[in-house]
N, C-alpha and C. Protein backbone atom coordinates (compact mmCIF):
# COMPACT_ATOMS: atom_id res chain seq x y z
N MET A 1 103.50 92.26 103.79
CA MET A 1 103.72 93.31 103.01
C MET A 1 103.35 93.04 101.56
N LEU A 2 103.70 91.68 101.16
CA LEU A 2 103.54 91.29 100.08
C LEU A 2 102.24 91.34 99.60
N ARG A 3 101.03 90.68 100.61
CA ARG A 3 99.77 90.59 100.14
C ARG A 3 99.43 92.21 99.83
N ARG A 4 99.64 93.13 100.54
CA ARG A 4 99.33 94.51 100.37
C ARG A 4 99.73 94.88 99.00
N ASP A 5 100.93 94.56 98.62
CA ASP A 5 101.56 95.21 97.62
C ASP A 5 100.74 94.36 96.34
N SER A 6 100.78 93.30 96.37
CA SER A 6 99.94 92.19 95.35
C SER A 6 98.46 92.83 95.14
N PHE A 7 97.68 93.10 96.04
CA PHE A 7 96.31 93.62 96.14
C PHE A 7 96.32 94.74 95.51
N SER A 8 97.18 95.73 95.86
CA SER A 8 97.29 97.32 95.41
C SER A 8 97.56 97.01 93.92
N GLU A 9 98.53 96.30 93.33
CA GLU A 9 98.73 96.17 91.83
C GLU A 9 97.71 95.66 91.20
N TRP A 10 96.89 94.54 91.65
CA TRP A 10 95.82 94.04 90.91
C TRP A 10 94.64 95.30 90.94
N LEU A 11 94.38 95.83 91.82
CA LEU A 11 93.41 96.85 91.81
C LEU A 11 93.69 97.99 91.14
N SER A 12 95.02 98.18 90.55
CA SER A 12 95.38 99.47 89.70
C SER A 12 94.72 99.61 88.30
N ASP A 13 93.79 98.59 88.12
CA ASP A 13 93.29 98.17 87.06
C ASP A 13 92.32 99.64 86.60
N PRO A 14 92.47 100.33 85.42
CA PRO A 14 91.97 101.63 85.07
C PRO A 14 90.19 101.32 85.05
N SER A 15 89.89 99.84 85.05
CA SER A 15 88.31 99.73 84.78
C SER A 15 87.55 99.96 86.08
N TYR A 16 88.25 100.09 87.13
CA TYR A 16 87.82 100.42 88.66
C TYR A 16 87.73 101.69 88.44
N ASN A 17 86.39 102.48 88.51
CA ASN A 17 86.13 103.89 88.25
C ASN A 17 85.26 104.57 89.30
N ILE A 18 85.13 103.74 90.58
CA ILE A 18 84.21 104.26 91.60
C ILE A 18 84.94 103.92 92.68
N ALA A 19 85.39 104.85 93.62
CA ALA A 19 86.01 104.74 95.18
C ALA A 19 84.61 104.79 95.95
N LEU A 20 84.34 104.00 97.11
CA LEU A 20 83.41 104.25 97.86
C LEU A 20 83.55 103.89 99.31
N THR A 21 83.46 104.80 100.34
CA THR A 21 83.53 104.45 101.79
C THR A 21 82.25 104.22 102.37
N LEU A 22 81.92 103.15 103.09
CA LEU A 22 80.92 102.95 103.88
C LEU A 22 81.09 102.90 105.21
N ASN A 23 80.66 103.84 105.81
CA ASN A 23 80.77 104.18 107.23
C ASN A 23 79.30 103.62 108.09
N PHE A 24 79.77 102.82 109.18
CA PHE A 24 78.49 102.36 109.96
C PHE A 24 77.90 103.27 111.16
N ASN A 25 78.94 103.92 111.67
CA ASN A 25 78.81 104.91 112.95
C ASN A 25 78.14 104.40 113.99
N SER A 26 78.14 103.16 114.01
CA SER A 26 77.51 102.32 115.21
C SER A 26 78.06 101.21 115.34
N PRO A 27 78.01 100.60 116.73
CA PRO A 27 78.67 99.11 116.47
C PRO A 27 78.10 98.24 115.70
N VAL A 28 78.99 97.30 115.09
CA VAL A 28 78.75 96.34 114.41
C VAL A 28 79.83 95.22 114.07
N SER A 29 79.20 93.99 114.16
CA SER A 29 80.26 92.97 114.02
C SER A 29 80.67 92.78 112.27
N LEU A 30 81.79 92.26 112.16
CA LEU A 30 82.24 91.98 110.78
C LEU A 30 81.11 91.08 109.92
N VAL A 31 80.65 90.29 110.66
CA VAL A 31 79.54 89.35 110.06
C VAL A 31 78.54 90.18 109.49
N ASN A 32 77.82 91.07 110.13
CA ASN A 32 76.81 91.76 110.17
C ASN A 32 76.89 92.98 109.06
N ALA A 33 78.18 93.48 109.21
CA ALA A 33 78.82 94.57 108.23
C ALA A 33 78.67 94.05 106.93
N ARG A 34 79.44 92.78 106.64
CA ARG A 34 79.18 92.10 105.33
C ARG A 34 78.05 91.78 104.80
N GLY A 35 76.94 91.70 105.72
CA GLY A 35 75.78 91.18 105.10
C GLY A 35 74.84 92.59 104.85
N ALA A 36 75.17 93.42 105.48
CA ALA A 36 74.55 94.77 105.16
C ALA A 36 75.18 95.32 103.90
N VAL A 37 76.57 95.10 103.11
CA VAL A 37 77.04 95.58 102.21
C VAL A 37 76.26 94.63 101.14
N LYS A 38 76.54 93.49 101.39
CA LYS A 38 75.56 92.34 100.51
C LYS A 38 74.25 92.70 100.07
N LYS A 39 73.48 93.36 101.20
CA LYS A 39 72.00 93.78 101.04
C LYS A 39 71.95 94.98 100.10
N LEU A 40 72.83 95.92 100.43
CA LEU A 40 73.31 97.01 99.79
C LEU A 40 73.10 96.95 98.33
N PHE A 41 74.09 95.97 97.60
CA PHE A 41 74.25 96.13 96.54
C PHE A 41 73.41 95.04 95.78
N GLY A 42 72.58 94.45 96.60
CA GLY A 42 71.25 94.05 95.95
C GLY A 42 70.32 95.15 95.17
N VAL A 43 70.07 96.02 96.46
CA VAL A 43 69.43 97.27 96.06
C VAL A 43 70.14 97.98 95.01
N VAL A 44 71.22 98.22 94.96
CA VAL A 44 71.92 98.52 93.85
C VAL A 44 71.90 98.45 92.51
N ASP A 45 72.07 96.84 92.49
CA ASP A 45 71.90 96.21 91.09
C ASP A 45 70.45 96.45 90.62
N ARG A 46 69.35 96.20 91.79
CA ARG A 46 68.11 96.29 91.29
C ARG A 46 67.72 97.46 90.74
N LYS A 47 68.10 98.85 91.32
CA LYS A 47 67.89 99.88 91.09
C LYS A 47 68.64 100.15 89.42
N LEU A 48 69.74 99.52 89.25
CA LEU A 48 70.48 99.88 87.84
C LEU A 48 69.79 98.99 86.76
N LEU A 49 69.44 97.69 87.28
CA LEU A 49 69.25 96.76 86.15
C LEU A 49 67.69 96.20 86.11
N GLY A 50 67.03 96.53 87.27
CA GLY A 50 65.85 96.06 87.24
C GLY A 50 65.38 94.89 88.31
N ALA A 51 64.34 94.33 88.28
CA ALA A 51 64.18 93.16 89.60
C ALA A 51 64.53 91.92 89.20
N ARG A 52 65.19 91.76 88.08
CA ARG A 52 65.76 90.65 87.28
C ARG A 52 67.05 90.78 87.31
N PHE A 53 67.85 91.36 88.18
CA PHE A 53 69.14 91.81 88.15
C PHE A 53 70.18 90.52 88.25
N ASN A 54 69.69 89.69 88.91
CA ASN A 54 70.57 88.46 89.28
C ASN A 54 70.73 87.50 88.12
N ARG A 55 69.97 87.95 87.12
CA ARG A 55 69.92 86.81 85.77
C ARG A 55 71.08 87.29 84.57
N TYR A 56 71.34 88.66 85.57
CA TYR A 56 72.86 89.28 84.22
C TYR A 56 73.69 88.89 84.80
N THR A 57 74.70 88.52 83.66
CA THR A 57 76.09 87.89 83.78
C THR A 57 76.71 89.44 83.51
N THR A 58 76.37 90.40 82.97
CA THR A 58 77.08 91.81 82.67
C THR A 58 76.11 92.79 83.28
N GLY A 59 76.99 94.00 83.31
CA GLY A 59 76.27 95.26 83.65
C GLY A 59 76.01 95.16 85.38
N ARG A 60 76.15 94.03 86.09
CA ARG A 60 76.31 94.35 87.70
C ARG A 60 77.50 95.20 87.82
N VAL A 61 77.21 95.72 89.21
CA VAL A 61 78.43 96.72 89.81
C VAL A 61 79.22 95.26 90.36
N ASP A 62 80.45 95.36 90.23
CA ASP A 62 81.84 94.35 90.59
C ASP A 62 82.74 95.32 91.19
N GLY A 63 83.63 94.32 92.09
CA GLY A 63 84.49 95.08 92.94
C GLY A 63 84.83 94.47 94.33
N VAL A 64 85.52 95.24 95.07
CA VAL A 64 85.71 94.76 96.41
C VAL A 64 85.86 95.62 97.44
N PHE A 65 85.49 95.37 98.64
CA PHE A 65 85.50 96.23 99.91
C PHE A 65 86.54 95.57 100.94
N VAL A 66 87.06 96.43 101.30
CA VAL A 66 88.05 96.12 102.54
C VAL A 66 87.37 96.67 103.83
N PHE A 67 87.46 95.93 104.97
CA PHE A 67 86.99 96.31 106.08
C PHE A 67 87.92 96.85 107.13
N GLU A 68 87.92 97.85 107.93
CA GLU A 68 89.07 98.35 108.52
C GLU A 68 88.33 98.68 110.01
N HIS A 69 89.22 98.84 110.91
CA HIS A 69 89.05 99.27 112.19
C HIS A 69 87.97 98.36 112.92
N LEU A 70 88.20 96.98 112.83
CA LEU A 70 87.14 96.01 113.08
C LEU A 70 86.74 96.27 114.58
N LYS A 71 87.89 96.73 115.50
CA LYS A 71 87.41 96.61 116.94
C LYS A 71 87.09 98.10 117.60
N SER A 72 86.80 98.88 116.84
CA SER A 72 86.39 100.40 117.01
C SER A 72 85.42 100.93 115.92
N ASN A 73 85.54 101.59 115.20
CA ASN A 73 84.92 102.29 114.23
C ASN A 73 84.77 101.60 112.98
N ILE A 74 84.52 100.43 112.61
CA ILE A 74 84.46 99.68 111.49
C ILE A 74 83.81 100.47 110.40
N HIS A 75 84.46 100.67 109.22
CA HIS A 75 84.14 100.86 107.85
C HIS A 75 84.67 100.44 106.79
N ALA A 76 84.15 100.19 105.64
CA ALA A 76 84.19 99.58 104.39
C ALA A 76 84.67 100.57 103.33
N HIS A 77 85.94 100.56 102.97
CA HIS A 77 86.59 100.95 101.65
C HIS A 77 86.16 100.10 100.23
N GLY A 78 85.66 100.50 99.39
CA GLY A 78 85.59 99.91 98.24
C GLY A 78 86.12 100.45 96.85
N LEU A 79 86.42 99.64 95.95
CA LEU A 79 86.90 100.16 94.69
C LEU A 79 86.18 99.13 93.80
N LEU A 80 85.45 100.13 92.98
CA LEU A 80 84.22 99.39 92.06
C LEU A 80 84.45 99.59 90.70
N GLN A 81 83.88 98.82 90.00
CA GLN A 81 83.72 98.74 88.50
C GLN A 81 82.24 98.94 88.16
N VAL A 82 81.87 100.26 87.78
CA VAL A 82 80.53 100.53 87.23
C VAL A 82 80.53 100.66 85.99
N ASP A 83 79.46 100.10 85.09
CA ASP A 83 79.19 100.42 83.69
C ASP A 83 79.25 101.76 83.55
N PRO A 84 80.45 102.18 82.53
CA PRO A 84 80.14 103.95 82.45
C PRO A 84 78.99 104.55 82.10
N ARG A 85 77.86 103.67 81.37
CA ARG A 85 76.83 103.99 81.05
C ARG A 85 75.86 104.33 82.22
N SER A 86 76.35 103.54 83.50
CA SER A 86 75.38 103.49 84.60
C SER A 86 75.99 104.57 85.78
N VAL A 87 77.26 105.12 85.63
CA VAL A 87 77.84 105.62 86.69
C VAL A 87 77.22 106.98 87.24
N ASP A 88 76.49 107.65 86.48
CA ASP A 88 75.58 108.92 86.97
C ASP A 88 74.44 108.53 87.97
N ARG A 89 73.60 107.03 87.38
CA ARG A 89 72.79 106.64 88.20
C ARG A 89 72.97 106.21 89.46
N PHE A 90 74.47 105.38 89.23
CA PHE A 90 74.84 104.79 90.52
C PHE A 90 75.31 105.80 91.75
N ALA A 91 76.09 107.09 91.10
CA ALA A 91 75.95 108.17 91.90
C ALA A 91 75.11 108.58 92.56
N SER A 92 73.81 108.85 91.80
CA SER A 92 72.52 109.24 92.56
C SER A 92 72.19 108.26 93.59
N ILE A 93 72.53 107.19 93.64
CA ILE A 93 72.15 106.24 94.71
C ILE A 93 72.97 106.57 96.06
N PHE A 94 74.08 107.33 96.05
CA PHE A 94 74.77 107.57 96.99
C PHE A 94 74.94 109.13 97.13
N PRO A 95 74.00 109.83 97.37
CA PRO A 95 74.23 111.41 97.05
C PRO A 95 75.13 111.98 98.30
N THR A 96 75.77 113.08 97.87
CA THR A 96 76.85 113.84 98.74
C THR A 96 76.27 114.37 99.94
N ASP A 97 75.00 114.54 100.19
CA ASP A 97 74.36 114.74 101.46
C ASP A 97 74.49 113.75 102.56
N GLY A 98 75.04 112.58 102.04
CA GLY A 98 75.04 111.26 102.97
C GLY A 98 74.01 110.46 103.25
N ARG A 99 72.95 110.78 102.66
CA ARG A 99 71.74 110.05 102.95
C ARG A 99 71.44 109.43 101.47
N GLY A 100 71.11 108.26 101.57
CA GLY A 100 70.40 107.55 100.38
C GLY A 100 70.25 105.93 100.74
N SER A 101 70.45 105.45 99.75
CA SER A 101 70.21 103.80 100.13
C SER A 101 70.99 103.32 100.82
N TRP A 102 72.27 103.71 101.21
CA TRP A 102 73.11 102.92 101.96
C TRP A 102 72.38 103.36 103.62
N SER A 103 71.83 104.75 103.74
CA SER A 103 71.19 104.93 105.20
C SER A 103 69.75 104.27 105.39
N GLU A 104 69.33 103.74 104.25
CA GLU A 104 68.00 102.94 104.18
C GLU A 104 68.41 101.73 104.82
N ILE A 105 69.77 101.24 104.63
CA ILE A 105 69.89 99.68 104.84
C ILE A 105 70.49 99.71 106.44
N TRP A 106 71.53 100.80 106.44
CA TRP A 106 72.14 101.10 107.79
C TRP A 106 71.93 102.22 108.46
N LYS A 107 71.02 102.52 109.29
CA LYS A 107 70.28 103.72 109.86
C LYS A 107 71.12 104.74 109.90
N ALA A 108 72.30 104.43 110.79
CA ALA A 108 73.48 105.32 111.10
C ALA A 108 74.40 105.63 109.83
N GLY A 109 74.07 104.93 108.88
CA GLY A 109 75.30 104.76 107.87
C GLY A 109 75.48 105.81 107.11
N THR A 110 76.54 106.42 106.67
CA THR A 110 76.95 107.34 106.04
C THR A 110 78.03 106.96 104.85
N GLN A 111 77.98 107.73 103.89
CA GLN A 111 79.05 107.16 102.85
C GLN A 111 79.70 108.46 102.01
N CYS A 112 80.81 108.06 101.52
CA CYS A 112 81.36 109.00 100.70
C CYS A 112 82.07 108.40 99.33
N LEU A 113 81.51 108.67 98.27
CA LEU A 113 81.52 108.48 96.82
C LEU A 113 82.72 109.42 96.03
N ARG A 114 83.41 109.00 95.42
CA ARG A 114 84.48 109.50 94.59
C ARG A 114 84.68 108.71 93.24
N HIS A 115 84.62 109.44 91.99
CA HIS A 115 85.37 108.83 90.95
C HIS A 115 86.77 108.55 91.09
N ALA A 116 87.20 107.18 90.81
CA ALA A 116 88.52 106.66 90.79
C ALA A 116 89.08 106.99 89.70
N HIS A 117 89.69 108.38 89.49
CA HIS A 117 90.41 108.76 88.52
C HIS A 117 91.79 108.07 88.61
N ASP A 118 92.51 107.95 89.65
CA ASP A 118 93.70 107.11 89.74
C ASP A 118 93.62 105.85 90.71
N PRO A 119 93.17 104.89 89.91
CA PRO A 119 92.54 103.55 90.46
C PRO A 119 93.81 102.95 91.30
N ALA A 120 95.12 103.10 90.90
CA ALA A 120 96.13 102.75 91.75
C ALA A 120 96.48 103.41 92.90
N GLY A 121 95.97 104.60 93.11
CA GLY A 121 96.11 105.37 94.21
C GLY A 121 95.20 105.07 95.06
N PHE A 122 93.89 104.91 94.87
CA PHE A 122 92.85 104.22 95.73
C PHE A 122 93.28 102.94 95.93
N ALA A 123 93.71 102.12 94.98
CA ALA A 123 94.35 100.56 95.47
C ALA A 123 95.16 100.88 96.64
N GLY A 124 95.98 101.71 96.41
CA GLY A 124 96.91 101.66 97.70
C GLY A 124 96.31 102.16 98.92
N TYR A 125 95.40 102.93 98.81
CA TYR A 125 94.63 103.24 100.09
C TYR A 125 93.95 102.21 100.70
N LEU A 126 93.19 101.28 99.92
CA LEU A 126 92.29 100.15 100.32
C LEU A 126 93.47 99.29 101.09
N ALA A 127 94.53 98.97 100.68
CA ALA A 127 95.19 97.80 100.92
C ALA A 127 96.33 98.17 102.10
N LYS A 128 96.18 99.32 102.54
CA LYS A 128 97.08 100.02 103.57
C LYS A 128 96.98 98.86 104.80
N GLU A 129 95.77 98.35 105.25
CA GLU A 129 95.87 97.75 106.11
C GLU A 129 95.59 95.96 106.14
N GLN A 130 95.94 95.65 104.81
CA GLN A 130 95.97 94.37 104.55
C GLN A 130 97.42 93.73 104.82
N PHE A 131 97.72 92.67 105.45
CA PHE A 131 98.82 91.63 105.87
C PHE A 131 98.48 90.49 105.62
N ALA A 132 99.89 89.60 105.50
CA ALA A 132 99.60 88.49 105.22
C ALA A 132 98.81 87.79 106.50
N SER A 133 98.86 88.22 107.52
CA SER A 133 97.96 87.73 108.88
C SER A 133 96.47 88.20 108.80
N SER A 134 96.32 89.24 107.85
CA SER A 134 94.82 89.53 107.67
C SER A 134 93.81 88.58 107.67
N ALA A 135 92.74 88.52 108.21
CA ALA A 135 91.55 87.58 107.93
C ALA A 135 91.07 87.64 106.51
N PRO A 136 90.86 86.78 105.81
CA PRO A 136 90.16 86.79 104.75
C PRO A 136 88.59 87.54 104.55
N GLU A 137 88.21 87.41 105.86
CA GLU A 137 86.63 87.98 105.98
C GLU A 137 86.75 89.37 105.85
N THR A 138 88.05 90.16 106.13
CA THR A 138 88.23 91.60 106.08
C THR A 138 87.68 91.97 104.79
N MET A 139 87.97 91.14 103.46
CA MET A 139 87.89 91.69 102.09
C MET A 139 86.45 90.89 101.76
N LEU A 140 85.80 91.79 100.85
CA LEU A 140 84.49 91.37 100.50
C LEU A 140 84.38 91.44 99.07
N PHE A 141 84.27 90.46 98.05
CA PHE A 141 84.35 90.65 96.68
C PHE A 141 82.82 90.53 96.19
N LEU A 142 82.36 91.52 95.72
CA LEU A 142 80.76 91.61 95.41
C LEU A 142 80.34 90.44 94.48
N ARG A 143 81.34 90.03 93.72
CA ARG A 143 80.99 88.85 92.79
C ARG A 143 80.74 87.51 93.58
N GLU A 144 81.00 87.33 94.95
CA GLU A 144 80.76 86.53 95.71
C GLU A 144 79.43 86.42 95.81
N PHE A 145 78.64 87.45 95.61
CA PHE A 145 76.77 87.29 95.74
C PHE A 145 76.15 87.04 94.38
N TYR A 146 76.67 87.08 93.27
CA TYR A 146 76.33 86.81 91.99
C TYR A 146 75.52 85.70 92.18
N ALA A 147 74.18 85.19 91.59
CA ALA A 147 73.72 83.97 91.29
C ALA A 147 74.59 83.14 90.65
N GLN A 148 74.83 81.71 90.98
CA GLN A 148 75.72 81.02 90.29
C GLN A 148 75.24 80.65 88.90
N GLN A 149 75.78 80.86 87.86
CA GLN A 149 75.04 80.60 86.72
C GLN A 149 75.53 78.94 86.16
N GLY A 150 74.71 78.14 85.58
CA GLY A 150 75.06 76.95 85.33
C GLY A 150 74.06 76.29 84.53
């Protein structure tokens, strides 16, 4: 319970402005699911920032995904920080008809994008299945994939 509450409190930051659910709609391992999300956000950042997106330290999409139902219908709920100037372009990458960049990465994939007007509410939803015993791999922080600056 403590992990879920702490996680929920941390993610209630109002700078998280997009909630995104990625559905796989086909069997997938957690390792492959994480890899698909990584690949997707490379595509997203490239579309928003250009081919040299990995050189940017600001402006990239940041946030966290939580993977649920690992043994049945695996899907990922995300709470994201998207530059307010890029929200409309970001939303166009995930059209409401369910087809877009995600279905290009994962053929059976569909998505649901919402503007997170209530980040605390979305954070509580994301954290609903997080327990002290939850494997760390069930959470994916997009910042993990940023190129190391040094």
